Amino acid sequence: MKRNFALKLVFGLAIAGLAGGAAAAPHASDTAAQAERLLNERVQPQAQALGARIEINLGQVLEERASRAPCSPEVFVPPGTRLWGKTYIGLRCPGKPWQVRVPVEVALYAPVPMLLRPMPAGTTLQESDWTMSEINLAAWSRAVVTDERKLAGAQISRALRAGEPISPDSLQSRFRLGTGDPVQVVLVGQGFTIKASGKVMHPTAPGQSTRVQLDSGRTVAGTMRDDREIEVAL
């Protein structure tokens, strides 16, 4: 009799354990789905701007932490967290003093120009110097050039190795202006635009601020545009 009772007790505990495990699995699965949705939403704007596809690896830690949570945890991104590469997300119980950080990895794969051969400083790039290859942008600590249209005619400012992406700070724009170069200056005021001639007072490139001395002798500050003109707001 005692043996039968003991067997029934063990069997009952086993069934209860299985039921608990079955209940925990959807709990952790829901948290994983929530985490993937949140990360996709946060990273999608950057991915679209770069023409990249997103790959998210949540790992095993998230499901383990979620299954042990004293609630159905809420997923959040801690303030200041970098969303690319190896990073963290948070799990918390609303209204309860329970909160943990969980490691995850977010990859951004995009085609970028890769040099076919080593290039010494001072080389002017031609279209035959690179090929497009897909890489994980999140794995690189520095920014890389993703638009090959910016390369043809650009000059390399430092030696580059073959088989690696090209960083923007290693290039001198073909539109770069040096001290004393003549430019057209576009003076923009409320309801009018005036063009004048002048010379830049220090080296500059598209998007950078610079000072220009007009032919009249007056000095103005403006921003260089892609068309080599300096725009000055009056």
C-alpha atoms as a PDB file:
ATOM      1  CA  MET A   1       0.000   0.000   0.000  1.00  0.00           C
ATOM      2  CA  LYS A   2       2.752   2.401   1.024  1.00  0.00           C
ATOM      3  CA  ARG A   3       4.679   1.556  -2.142  1.00  0.00           C
ATOM      4  CA  ASN A   4       1.618   2.272  -4.316  1.00  0.00           C
ATOM      5  CA  PHE A   5       1.085   5.569  -2.532  1.00  0.00           C
ATOM      6  CA  ALA A   6       4.727   6.533  -3.046  1.00  0.00           C
ATOM      7  CA  LEU A   7       4.541   5.684  -6.745  1.00  0.00           C
ATOM      8  CA  LYS A   8       1.375   7.739  -7.133  1.00  0.00           C
ATOM      9  CA  LEU A   9       3.034  10.660  -5.346  1.00  0.00           C
ATOM     10  CA  VAL A  10       6.119  10.545  -7.569  1.00  0.00           C
ATOM     11  CA  PHE A  11       3.944  10.212 -10.674  1.00  0.00           C
ATOM     12  CA  GLY A  12       1.835  13.160  -9.588  1.00  0.00           C
ATOM     13  CA  LEU A  13       4.867  15.340  -8.940  1.00  0.00           C
ATOM     14  CA  ALA A  14       6.306  14.405 -12.332  1.00  0.00           C
ATOM     15  CA  ILE A  15       3.046  15.351 -14.067  1.00  0.00           C
ATOM     16  CA  ALA A  16       2.995  18.641 -12.186  1.00  0.00           C
ATOM     17  CA  GLY A  17       6.592  19.324 -13.196  1.00  0.00           C
ATOM     18  CA  LEU A  18       5.804  18.621 -16.832  1.00  0.00           C
ATOM     19  CA  ALA A  19       2.784  20.888 -16.664  1.00  0.00           C
ATOM     20  CA  GLY A  20       4.888  23.640 -15.110  1.00  0.00           C
ATOM     21  CA  GLY A  21       7.535  23.260 -17.813  1.00  0.00           C
ATOM     22  CA  ALA A  22       4.864  23.381 -20.503  1.00  0.00           C
ATOM     23  CA  ALA A  23       3.492  26.564 -18.953  1.00  0.00           C
ATOM     24  CA  ALA A  24       6.974  28.155 -18.756  1.00  0.00           C
ATOM     25  CA  ALA A  25       7.823  27.534 -22.392  1.00  0.00           C
ATOM     26  CA  PRO A  26       5.122  29.819 -23.903  1.00  0.00           C
ATOM     27  CA  HIS A  27       6.013  32.395 -21.242  1.00  0.00           C
ATOM     28  CA  ALA A  28       9.627  32.551 -22.436  1.00  0.00           C
ATOM     29  CA  SER A  29       8.597  32.281 -26.075  1.00  0.00           C
ATOM     30  CA  ASP A  30       6.314  35.323 -25.770  1.00  0.00           C
ATOM     31  CA  THR A  31       9.163  37.324 -24.252  1.00  0.00           C
ATOM     32  CA  ALA A  32      11.493  36.358 -27.096  1.00  0.00           C
ATOM     33  CA  ALA A  33       8.906  37.430 -29.691  1.00  0.00           C
ATOM     34  CA  GLN A  34       8.428  40.718 -27.855  1.00  0.00           C
ATOM     35  CA  ALA A  35      12.201  41.314 -27.778  1.00  0.00           C
ATOM     36  CA  GLU A  36      12.577  40.636 -31.490  1.00  0.00           C
ATOM     37  CA  ARG A  37       9.720  43.017 -32.367  1.00  0.00           C
ATOM     38  CA  LEU A  38      11.165  45.797 -30.209  1.00  0.00           C
ATOM     39  CA  LEU A  39      14.670  45.497 -31.626  1.00  0.00           C
ATOM     40  CA  ASN A  40      13.357  45.378 -35.197  1.00  0.00           C
ATOM     41  CA  GLU A  41      11.313  48.538 -34.619  1.00  0.00           C
ATOM     42  CA  ARG A  42      14.261  50.405 -33.105  1.00  0.00           C
ATOM     43  CA  VAL A  43      16.842  49.371 -35.714  1.00  0.00           C
ATOM     44  CA  GLN A  44      14.652  49.488 -38.847  1.00  0.00           C
ATOM     45  CA  PRO A  45      15.152  53.230 -39.576  1.00  0.00           C
ATOM     46  CA  GLN A  46      18.955  52.860 -39.561  1.00  0.00           C
ATOM     47  CA  ALA A  47      18.751  49.667 -41.608  1.00  0.00           C
ATOM     48  CA  GLN A  48      16.590  51.336 -44.253  1.00  0.00           C
ATOM     49  CA  ALA A  49      18.939  54.326 -44.463  1.00  0.00           C
ATOM     50  CA  LEU A  50      21.902  51.993 -45.033  1.00  0.00           C
ATOM     51  CA  GLY A  51      20.077  49.545 -47.311  1.00  0.00           C
ATOM     52  CA  ALA A  52      20.808  46.805 -44.791  1.00  0.00           C
ATOM     53  CA  ARG A  53      18.974  43.714 -43.612  1.00  0.00           C
ATOM     54  CA  ILE A  54      18.621  42.940 -39.905  1.00  0.00           C
ATOM     55  CA  GLU A  55      19.561  39.685 -38.193  1.00  0.00           C
ATOM     56  CA  ILE A  56      18.822  39.320 -34.470  1.00  0.00           C
ATOM     57  CA  ASN A  57      20.349  36.658 -32.234  1.00  0.00           C
ATOM     58  CA  LEU A  58      18.655  36.543 -28.832  1.00  0.00           C
ATOM     59  CA  GLY A  59      20.650  33.573 -27.533  1.00  0.00           C
ATOM     60  CA  GLN A  60      19.616  31.242 -24.708  1.00  0.00           C
ATOM     61  CA  VAL A  61      19.995  33.633 -21.775  1.00  0.00           C
ATOM     62  CA  LEU A  62      16.790  35.535 -22.542  1.00  0.00           C
ATOM     63  CA  GLU A  63      14.550  32.463 -22.379  1.00  0.00           C
ATOM     64  CA  GLU A  64      16.265  31.278 -19.203  1.00  0.00           C
ATOM     65  CA  ARG A  65      15.811  34.650 -17.461  1.00  0.00           C
ATOM     66  CA  ALA A  66      12.244  35.027 -18.720  1.00  0.00           C
ATOM     67  CA  SER A  67      11.258  31.554 -17.480  1.00  0.00           C
ATOM     68  CA  ARG A  68      12.518  32.440 -13.981  1.00  0.00           C
ATOM     69  CA  ALA A  69      10.819  35.834 -13.833  1.00  0.00           C
ATOM     70  CA  PRO A  70       8.155  36.347 -11.117  1.00  0.00           C
ATOM     71  CA  CYS A  71       5.809  37.736 -13.796  1.00  0.00           C
ATOM     72  CA  SER A  72       5.295  37.888 -17.529  1.00  0.00           C
ATOM     73  CA  PRO A  73       8.260  40.218 -18.113  1.00  0.00           C
ATOM     74  CA  GLU A  74       8.229  43.393 -20.148  1.00  0.00           C
ATOM     75  CA  VAL A  75      11.085  43.963 -22.620  1.00  0.00           C
ATOM     76  CA  PHE A  76      12.747  47.394 -22.760  1.00  0.00           C
ATOM     77  CA  VAL A  77      15.883  49.061 -24.094  1.00  0.00           C
ATOM     78  CA  PRO A  78      17.950  50.663 -21.295  1.00  0.00           C
ATOM     79  CA  PRO A  79      18.721  54.374 -21.920  1.00  0.00           C
ATOM     80  CA  GLY A  80      21.952  54.968 -23.812  1.00  0.00           C
ATOM     81  CA  THR A  81      22.150  51.386 -25.091  1.00  0.00           C
ATOM     82  CA  ARG A  82      23.809  50.882 -28.484  1.00  0.00           C
ATOM     83  CA  LEU A  83      21.397  48.911 -30.650  1.00  0.00           C
ATOM     84  CA  TRP A  84      23.957  47.436 -33.063  1.00  0.00           C
ATOM     85  CA  GLY A  85      26.383  44.594 -32.536  1.00  0.00           C
ATOM     86  CA  LYS A  86      26.758  42.829 -29.201  1.00  0.00           C
ATOM     87  CA  THR A  87      24.523  44.714 -26.811  1.00  0.00           C
ATOM     88  CA  TYR A  88      21.859  44.342 -24.099  1.00  0.00           C
ATOM     89  CA  ILE A  89      18.129  44.584 -23.601  1.00  0.00           C
ATOM     90  CA  GLY A  90      16.288  44.680 -20.302  1.00  0.00           C
ATOM     91  CA  LEU A  91      13.517  42.570 -18.740  1.00  0.00           C
ATOM     92  CA  ARG A  92      11.366  43.940 -15.921  1.00  0.00           C
ATOM     93  CA  CYS A  93       8.192  43.257 -13.985  1.00  0.00           C
ATOM     94  CA  PRO A  94       5.863  46.289 -13.916  1.00  0.00           C
ATOM     95  CA  GLY A  95       5.157  47.230 -10.322  1.00  0.00           C
ATOM     96  CA  LYS A  96       7.741  44.795  -8.916  1.00  0.00           C
ATOM     97  CA  PRO A  97      11.417  45.311  -7.978  1.00  0.00           C
ATOM     98  CA  TRP A  98      12.661  42.774 -10.532  1.00  0.00           C
ATOM     99  CA  GLN A  99      14.831  43.792 -13.465  1.00  0.00           C
ATOM    100  CA  VAL A 100      17.673  42.118 -15.391  1.00  0.00           C
ATOM    101  CA  ARG A 101      19.860  42.824 -18.427  1.00  0.00           C
ATOM    102  CA  VAL A 102      20.158  40.184 -21.142  1.00  0.00           C
ATOM    103  CA  PRO A 103      22.911  40.004 -23.812  1.00  0.00           C
ATOM    104  CA  VAL A 104      21.737  39.966 -27.451  1.00  0.00           C
ATOM    105  CA  GLU A 105      23.346  40.565 -30.833  1.00  0.00           C
ATOM    106  CA  VAL A 106      21.965  42.684 -33.677  1.00  0.00           C
ATOM    107  CA  ALA A 107      23.674  42.386 -37.080  1.00  0.00           C
ATOM    108  CA  LEU A 108      23.171  44.750 -40.024  1.00  0.00           C
ATOM    109  CA  TYR A 109      24.194  43.217 -43.342  1.00  0.00           C
ATOM    110  CA  ALA A 110      24.685  45.531 -46.313  1.00  0.00           C
ATOM    111  CA  PRO A 111      26.706  45.519 -49.562  1.00  0.00           C
ATOM    112  CA  VAL A 112      29.689  47.885 -49.339  1.00  0.00           C
ATOM    113  CA  PRO A 113      32.677  48.666 -51.581  1.00  0.00           C
ATOM    114  CA  MET A 114      35.749  46.542 -50.768  1.00  0.00           C
ATOM    115  CA  LEU A 115      39.184  47.291 -52.228  1.00  0.00           C
ATOM    116  CA  LEU A 116      40.558  44.652 -54.586  1.00  0.00           C
ATOM    117  CA  ARG A 117      44.204  45.537 -53.907  1.00  0.00           C
ATOM    118  CA  PRO A 118      46.269  47.561 -51.413  1.00  0.00           C
ATOM    119  CA  MET A 119      46.144  51.301 -52.085  1.00  0.00           C
ATOM    120  CA  PRO A 120      48.875  53.768 -51.052  1.00  0.00           C
ATOM    121  CA  ALA A 121      48.061  57.256 -49.784  1.00  0.00           C
ATOM    122  CA  GLY A 122      47.474  59.726 -52.608  1.00  0.00           C
ATOM    123  CA  THR A 123      45.844  57.184 -54.954  1.00  0.00           C
ATOM    124  CA  THR A 124      42.824  58.437 -56.906  1.00  0.00           C
ATOM    125  CA  LEU A 125      40.184  55.724 -56.911  1.00  0.00           C
ATOM    126  CA  GLN A 126      38.728  54.312 -60.122  1.00  0.00           C
ATOM    127  CA  GLU A 127      35.691  52.039 -60.511  1.00  0.00           C
ATOM    128  CA  SER A 128      37.958  49.049 -61.190  1.00  0.00           C
ATOM    129  CA  ASP A 129      39.587  49.403 -57.751  1.00  0.00           C
ATOM    130  CA  TRP A 130      36.722  47.903 -55.706  1.00  0.00           C
ATOM    131  CA  THR A 131      33.955  45.324 -55.692  1.00  0.00           C
ATOM    132  CA  MET A 132      30.694  45.215 -53.730  1.00  0.00           C
ATOM    133  CA  SER A 133      30.542  42.673 -50.909  1.00  0.00           C
ATOM    134  CA  GLU A 134      28.072  42.131 -48.071  1.00  0.00           C
ATOM    135  CA  ILE A 135      29.397  42.634 -44.533  1.00  0.00           C
ATOM    136  CA  ASN A 136      27.991  43.028 -41.030  1.00  0.00           C
ATOM    137  CA  LEU A 137      28.240  46.791 -40.466  1.00  0.00           C
ATOM    138  CA  ALA A 138      27.734  46.302 -36.724  1.00  0.00           C
ATOM    139  CA  ALA A 139      30.998  44.369 -36.510  1.00  0.00           C
ATOM    140  CA  TRP A 140      33.036  47.450 -37.517  1.00  0.00           C
ATOM    141  CA  SER A 141      33.862  50.058 -34.894  1.00  0.00           C
ATOM    142  CA  ARG A 142      34.245  52.815 -37.512  1.00  0.00           C
ATOM    143  CA  ALA A 143      31.836  54.137 -40.127  1.00  0.00           C
ATOM    144  CA  VAL A 144      32.257  52.660 -43.620  1.00  0.00           C
ATOM    145  CA  VAL A 145      31.356  53.925 -47.080  1.00  0.00           C
ATOM    146  CA  THR A 146      28.198  52.201 -48.351  1.00  0.00           C
ATOM    147  CA  ASP A 147      27.546  54.330 -51.456  1.00  0.00           C
ATOM    148  CA  GLU A 148      30.097  53.552 -54.181  1.00  0.00           C
ATOM    149  CA  ARG A 149      29.125  56.722 -56.044  1.00  0.00           C
ATOM    150  CA  LYS A 150      31.207  58.653 -53.501  1.00  0.00           C
ATOM    151  CA  LEU A 151      34.403  56.801 -54.436  1.00  0.00           C
ATOM    152  CA  ALA A 152      35.183  57.354 -58.118  1.00  0.00           C
ATOM    153  CA  GLY A 153      37.604  60.263 -58.351  1.00  0.00           C
ATOM    154  CA  ALA A 154      38.144  60.498 -54.585  1.00  0.00           C
ATOM    155  CA  GLN A 155      41.720  60.496 -53.314  1.00  0.00           C
ATOM    156  CA  ILE A 156      42.959  58.251 -50.500  1.00  0.00           C
ATOM    157  CA  SER A 157      44.471  60.178 -47.588  1.00  0.00           C
ATOM    158  CA  ARG A 158      46.163  57.149 -45.971  1.00  0.00           C
ATOM    159  CA  ALA A 159      47.230  53.671 -47.082  1.00  0.00           C
ATOM    160  CA  LEU A 160      44.408  51.111 -47.241  1.00  0.00           C
ATOM    161  CA  ARG A 161      44.534  47.311 -47.300  1.00  0.00           C
ATOM    162  CA  ALA A 162      42.768  45.024 -49.744  1.00  0.00           C
ATOM    163  CA  GLY A 163      39.645  43.126 -48.699  1.00  0.00           C
ATOM    164  CA  GLU A 164      38.334  45.568 -46.129  1.00  0.00           C
ATOM    165  CA  PRO A 165      35.658  48.279 -46.223  1.00  0.00           C
ATOM    166  CA  ILE A 166      36.601  51.927 -46.758  1.00  0.00           C
ATOM    167  CA  SER A 167      36.088  54.477 -43.990  1.00  0.00           C
ATOM    168  CA  PRO A 168      34.935  57.994 -44.967  1.00  0.00           C
ATOM    169  CA  ASP A 169      37.786  59.606 -43.010  1.00  0.00           C
ATOM    170  CA  SER A 170      40.340  57.885 -45.264  1.00  0.00           C
ATOM    171  CA  LEU A 171      39.114  59.766 -48.339  1.00  0.00           C
ATOM    172  CA  GLN A 172      39.490  63.274 -49.655  1.00  0.00           C
ATOM    173  CA  SER A 173      36.415  64.292 -51.609  1.00  0.00           C
ATOM    174  CA  ARG A 174      36.981  65.085 -55.268  1.00  0.00           C
ATOM    175  CA  PHE A 175      34.960  68.229 -54.506  1.00  0.00           C
ATOM    176  CA  ARG A 176      37.312  69.346 -51.736  1.00  0.00           C
ATOM    177  CA  LEU A 177      38.509  72.950 -51.954  1.00  0.00           C
ATOM    178  CA  GLY A 178      41.876  74.280 -50.816  1.00  0.00           C
ATOM    179  CA  THR A 179      42.877  77.666 -49.431  1.00  0.00           C
ATOM    180  CA  GLY A 180      42.588  80.323 -52.126  1.00  0.00           C
ATOM    181  CA  ASP A 181      40.451  78.250 -54.514  1.00  0.00           C
ATOM    182  CA  PRO A 182      37.900  80.361 -56.403  1.00  0.00           C
ATOM    183  CA  VAL A 183      34.235  79.653 -55.640  1.00  0.00           C
ATOM    184  CA  GLN A 184      30.763  80.887 -56.345  1.00  0.00           C
ATOM    185  CA  VAL A 185      29.031  82.211 -53.251  1.00  0.00           C
ATOM    186  CA  VAL A 186      25.242  82.036 -52.974  1.00  0.00           C
ATOM    187  CA  LEU A 187      23.918  84.695 -50.604  1.00  0.00           C
ATOM    188  CA  VAL A 188      20.432  83.647 -49.484  1.00  0.00           C
ATOM    189  CA  GLY A 189      18.105  86.127 -47.778  1.00  0.00           C
ATOM    190  CA  GLN A 190      14.369  86.285 -47.142  1.00  0.00           C
ATOM    191  CA  GLY A 191      12.801  86.226 -50.587  1.00  0.00           C
ATOM    192  CA  PHE A 192      15.999  86.769 -52.585  1.00  0.00           C
ATOM    193  CA  THR A 193      19.224  85.097 -53.724  1.00  0.00           C
ATOM    194  CA  ILE A 194      22.439  86.810 -54.848  1.00  0.00           C
ATOM    195  CA  LYS A 195      25.489  85.170 -56.400  1.00  0.00           C
ATOM    196  CA  ALA A 196      28.993  86.524 -55.992  1.00  0.00           C
ATOM    197  CA  SER A 197      32.566  85.364 -56.552  1.00  0.00           C
ATOM    198  CA  GLY A 198      35.177  84.790 -53.894  1.00  0.00           C
ATOM    199  CA  LYS A 199      37.992  82.596 -52.572  1.00  0.00           C
ATOM    200  CA  VAL A 200      37.870  80.086 -49.709  1.00  0.00           C
ATOM    201  CA  MET A 201      40.081  80.993 -46.761  1.00  0.00           C
ATOM    202  CA  HIS A 202      40.820  77.419 -45.592  1.00  0.00           C
ATOM    203  CA  PRO A 203      40.369  73.844 -46.936  1.00  0.00           C
ATOM    204  CA  THR A 204      36.797  72.587 -46.927  1.00  0.00           C
ATOM    205  CA  ALA A 205      34.572  69.802 -48.275  1.00  0.00           C
ATOM    206  CA  PRO A 206      30.819  69.392 -48.943  1.00  0.00           C
ATOM    207  CA  GLY A 207      28.777  69.835 -45.764  1.00  0.00           C
ATOM    208  CA  GLN A 208      31.539  71.690 -43.911  1.00  0.00           C
ATOM    209  CA  SER A 209      31.469  75.316 -42.764  1.00  0.00           C
ATOM    210  CA  THR A 210      34.063  77.696 -44.173  1.00  0.00           C
ATOM    211  CA  ARG A 211      34.903  81.355 -44.569  1.00  0.00           C
ATOM    212  CA  VAL A 212      35.095  83.044 -47.937  1.00  0.00           C
ATOM    213  CA  GLN A 213      36.591  86.364 -48.980  1.00  0.00           C
ATOM    214  CA  LEU A 214      34.407  87.994 -51.632  1.00  0.00           C
ATOM    215  CA  ASP A 215      35.930  89.915 -54.532  1.00  0.00           C
ATOM    216  CA  SER A 216      34.690  93.060 -52.798  1.00  0.00           C
ATOM    217  CA  GLY A 217      36.984  92.273 -49.851  1.00  0.00           C
ATOM    218  CA  ARG A 218      34.163  91.375 -47.476  1.00  0.00           C
ATOM    219  CA  THR A 219      34.503  88.105 -45.523  1.00  0.00           C
ATOM    220  CA  VAL A 220      31.467  85.826 -45.005  1.00  0.00           C
ATOM    221  CA  ALA A 221      30.844  82.413 -43.422  1.00  0.00           C
ATOM    222  CA  GLY A 222      28.906  79.685 -45.196  1.00  0.00           C
ATOM    223  CA  THR A 223      28.523  75.970 -45.920  1.00  0.00           C
ATOM    224  CA  MET A 224      29.979  74.212 -48.939  1.00  0.00           C
ATOM    225  CA  ARG A 225      27.432  72.413 -51.120  1.00  0.00           C
ATOM    226  CA  ASP A 226      27.941  69.366 -53.331  1.00  0.00           C
ATOM    227  CA  ASP A 227      28.030  71.630 -56.409  1.00  0.00           C
ATOM    228  CA  ARG A 228      31.142  73.430 -55.037  1.00  0.00           C
ATOM    229  CA  GLU A 229      29.156  76.541 -54.211  1.00  0.00           C
ATOM    230  CA  ILE A 230      29.253  78.159 -50.768  1.00  0.00           C
ATOM    231  CA  GLU A 231      25.820  78.949 -49.354  1.00  0.00           C
ATOM    232  CA  VAL A 232      25.646  81.932 -47.016  1.00  0.00           C
ATOM    233  CA  ALA A 233      22.469  82.682 -45.040  1.00  0.00           C
ATOM    234  CA  LEU A 234      21.881  86.401 -44.589  1.00  0.00           C
END
